[in-house]
Protein backbone atom coordinates (compact mmCIF):
# COMPACT_ATOMS: atom_id res chain seq x y z
CA MET A 1 10.69 -2.48 70.00
CA GLU A 2 10.52 -5.54 67.90
CA GLN A 3 10.94 -5.53 64.11
CA ASN A 4 8.31 -8.22 63.34
CA ALA A 5 6.05 -8.60 66.38
CA ASN A 6 3.56 -11.44 66.33
CA PRO A 7 0.30 -9.59 67.06
CA TRP A 8 -1.29 -12.59 68.82
CA LYS A 9 1.66 -12.64 71.30
CA ALA A 10 2.10 -9.01 71.57
CA ASN A 11 -1.53 -8.41 72.47
CA LEU A 12 -2.03 -11.15 75.03
CA THR A 13 -1.21 -8.90 77.73
CA ASN A 14 -3.56 -6.16 76.41
CA GLY A 15 -6.34 -8.82 76.05
CA LEU A 16 -5.67 -9.76 79.86
CA ILE A 17 -5.93 -6.13 80.87
CA LEU A 18 -9.23 -5.67 79.15
CA GLY A 19 -10.49 -9.14 80.49
CA LEU A 20 -9.42 -8.19 84.07
CA LEU A 21 -11.08 -5.05 83.79
CA GLY A 22 -14.25 -6.65 82.68
CA ILE A 23 -14.13 -9.14 85.56
CA VAL A 24 -13.62 -6.36 88.20
CA TYR A 25 -16.52 -4.30 86.60
CA SER A 26 -18.82 -7.23 86.52
CA LEU A 27 -17.94 -8.18 90.03
CA VAL A 28 -18.51 -4.58 91.49
CA MET A 29 -21.79 -4.55 89.57
CA TYR A 30 -22.70 -7.95 91.09
CA PHE A 31 -21.89 -7.06 94.63
CA LEU A 32 -23.57 -3.67 94.40
CA ASN A 33 -26.72 -5.44 92.96
CA LEU A 34 -26.62 -3.30 89.76
CA SER A 35 -26.01 -6.14 87.25
CA PHE A 36 -29.19 -5.48 85.38
CA ASN A 37 -28.68 -1.62 85.18
CA GLN A 38 -28.66 -0.82 81.46
CA LEU A 39 -27.20 2.77 81.97
CA LEU A 40 -24.03 1.44 83.70
CA GLY A 41 -23.79 -1.13 80.72
CA TRP A 42 -23.50 1.80 78.32
CA VAL A 43 -21.10 3.50 80.59
CA PHE A 44 -18.95 0.31 80.64
CA LEU A 45 -19.02 0.14 76.85
CA LEU A 46 -17.70 3.63 76.76
CA ILE A 47 -14.89 2.60 79.17
CA GLN A 48 -13.95 -0.36 76.96
CA ILE A 49 -13.73 1.89 73.96
CA ILE A 50 -11.46 4.26 75.86
CA VAL A 51 -9.24 1.45 77.25
CA LEU A 52 -9.12 -0.29 73.95
CA PHE A 53 -7.97 2.95 72.25
CA PHE A 54 -5.17 3.13 74.69
CA LEU A 55 -4.25 -0.58 74.27
CA VAL A 56 -4.18 -0.33 70.51
CA LYS A 57 -2.09 2.90 70.60
CA SER A 58 0.28 1.10 73.14
CA TYR A 59 0.70 -1.66 70.50
CA ARG A 60 1.14 0.88 67.70
CA ASP A 61 3.79 2.72 69.63
CA ASN A 62 5.74 -0.15 71.27
CA TYR A 63 5.49 -2.78 68.49
CA MET A 64 4.75 -0.80 65.21
CA HIS A 65 7.35 2.01 65.47
CA GLY A 66 4.64 4.55 65.97
CA ASN A 67 2.91 3.70 62.55
CA ILE A 68 -0.15 1.51 62.08
CA THR A 69 -2.60 1.20 59.18
CA PHE A 70 -6.22 1.26 59.78
CA GLY A 71 -6.35 -2.59 59.03
CA GLN A 72 -3.54 -3.34 61.38
CA ALA A 73 -5.24 -1.30 64.05
CA LEU A 74 -8.59 -3.02 63.33
CA GLY A 75 -6.83 -6.49 63.59
CA THR A 76 -5.20 -5.58 66.86
CA GLY A 77 -8.39 -4.40 68.29
CA VAL A 78 -10.15 -7.59 67.24
CA ILE A 79 -7.37 -9.82 68.68
CA ILE A 80 -7.49 -7.97 71.95
CA CYS A 81 -11.32 -8.35 72.01
CA LEU A 82 -11.05 -11.96 71.16
CA TYR A 83 -8.91 -12.53 74.33
CA TYR A 84 -11.47 -10.35 76.36
CA ALA A 85 -14.32 -12.34 74.93
CA ILE A 86 -12.75 -15.80 76.02
CA ILE A 87 -11.88 -14.40 79.37
CA MET A 88 -15.41 -13.12 79.91
CA ALA A 89 -16.90 -16.41 78.81
CA VAL A 90 -14.99 -18.29 81.39
CA PHE A 91 -15.85 -15.87 84.00
CA SER A 92 -19.61 -15.87 83.06
CA TYR A 93 -19.73 -19.60 83.32
CA ILE A 94 -18.07 -19.51 86.61
CA LEU A 95 -20.46 -16.73 87.88
CA TYR A 96 -23.62 -18.45 86.79
CA ALA A 97 -22.60 -21.99 87.52
CA VAL A 98 -20.53 -21.70 90.72
CA ILE A 99 -20.78 -18.36 92.39
CA ASP A 100 -24.49 -17.60 92.21
CA THR A 101 -26.59 -20.22 90.55
CA GLY A 102 -29.74 -18.00 91.38
CA LEU A 103 -28.47 -15.17 89.21
CA LEU A 104 -30.07 -17.04 86.19
CA ASP A 105 -33.54 -16.88 87.77
CA LYS A 106 -33.06 -13.18 88.67
CA GLN A 107 -32.18 -12.58 85.00
CA LEU A 108 -35.22 -14.30 83.65
CA ALA A 109 -37.43 -12.45 86.08
CA PHE A 110 -35.82 -9.24 84.82
CA ALA A 111 -36.37 -10.20 81.22
CA GLU A 112 -40.07 -10.93 81.80
CA GLU A 113 -40.43 -7.68 83.64
CA GLN A 114 -38.92 -5.88 80.72
CA MET A 115 -41.43 -7.66 78.32
CA VAL A 116 -44.28 -6.57 80.48
CA LYS A 117 -43.09 -2.91 80.41
CA ARG A 118 -42.96 -3.00 76.59
CA GLY A 119 -46.63 -4.05 76.57
CA ALA A 120 -46.08 -7.79 75.22
CA THR A 121 -49.17 -9.89 75.33
CA GLN A 122 -49.25 -12.78 77.70
CA ALA A 123 -48.66 -15.38 74.68
CA GLN A 124 -45.64 -13.26 73.60
CA ILE A 125 -44.24 -13.36 77.13
CA ASP A 126 -44.79 -17.05 77.45
CA ALA A 127 -43.23 -17.89 74.05
CA GLY A 128 -40.21 -15.49 74.79
CA MET A 129 -39.71 -16.89 78.22
CA SER A 130 -39.80 -20.45 77.08
CA ILE A 131 -37.03 -19.73 74.61
CA GLN A 132 -34.99 -17.80 77.14
CA GLU A 133 -35.24 -20.67 79.71
CA LYS A 134 -33.85 -23.04 77.02
CA ILE A 135 -30.88 -20.73 76.21
CA MET A 136 -30.26 -19.33 79.80
CA LYS A 137 -27.93 -22.22 80.88
CA PRO A 138 -24.21 -21.42 81.79
CA ALA A 139 -22.95 -24.11 79.28
CA ILE A 140 -24.86 -22.39 76.56
CA MET A 141 -24.57 -18.66 77.60
CA ALA A 142 -20.65 -18.83 77.81
CA PRO A 143 -20.14 -19.78 74.00
CA ILE A 144 -22.91 -17.26 73.03
CA SER A 145 -21.29 -14.62 74.96
CA ILE A 146 -18.07 -15.00 72.90
CA PHE A 147 -19.93 -14.15 69.83
CA GLY A 148 -21.75 -11.22 71.43
CA ASN A 149 -18.60 -9.85 72.77
CA MET A 150 -16.82 -10.31 69.46
CA PHE A 151 -19.55 -8.61 67.60
CA SER A 152 -19.39 -5.53 69.87
CA GLY A 153 -15.46 -5.93 69.90
CA VAL A 154 -15.27 -5.56 66.07
CA ILE A 155 -17.47 -2.41 66.30
CA MET A 156 -15.43 -0.99 68.99
CA SER A 157 -12.27 -1.86 67.01
CA LEU A 158 -13.45 -0.11 63.90
CA ILE A 159 -14.22 3.08 65.93
CA VAL A 160 -10.78 2.90 67.72
CA ALA A 161 -8.87 1.99 64.48
CA ALA A 162 -10.31 5.18 62.83
CA PHE A 163 -8.56 7.25 65.58
CA VAL A 164 -5.40 5.20 66.26
CA ARG A 165 -4.16 4.79 62.67
CA LYS A 166 -1.10 6.64 61.90
CA GLU A 167 0.62 6.07 58.59
CA GLY A 168 4.06 7.40 57.96
CA ASN A 169 5.39 8.83 54.65
CA PRO A 170 6.65 5.75 52.69
CA LEU A 171 9.32 8.08 50.84
CA ILE A 172 10.76 9.20 54.21
CA ASP A 173 10.28 6.26 56.41
CA THR A 174 12.60 3.33 55.89
CA THR A 175 11.37 1.23 58.74
CA GLN A 176 10.70 -2.28 57.76
CA LYS A 177 7.34 -3.50 58.87
């Protein structure tokens, strides 16, 4: 256990763990042709929350002497999710630009199909698709995915921090933080 651990350095491994989990999950979904299955996306979100819980708890137990405030747990979760977001942005760029350049066309077709199912008019579909065609480029999608993953990462970190926080009694605990 370190006395004053740098949370960025201490959570690099945790961020890599979550990032590798995201890559493996994405590749499995890609190879099974389930990339656009929304139910499995929600399942992965639940898996991410559970894994993030254990990663933040590991940080609390290994670096914070078993005590962590809500703010420290939130910050730890956000740091882990930032590493995850960067890893997934790089992976997404590689997936869309190198591995399968036709995946963008499949994604656009899926988006158009969803608009039709919702009952959008043809003018709405055309307007939506023209915007999506401009945005759906690997070089644009990767940075945008960082913000999207960070948004969900902050929400997941808020949830996890509520359960991981463990504050000791300041009159009994003499551990320096």
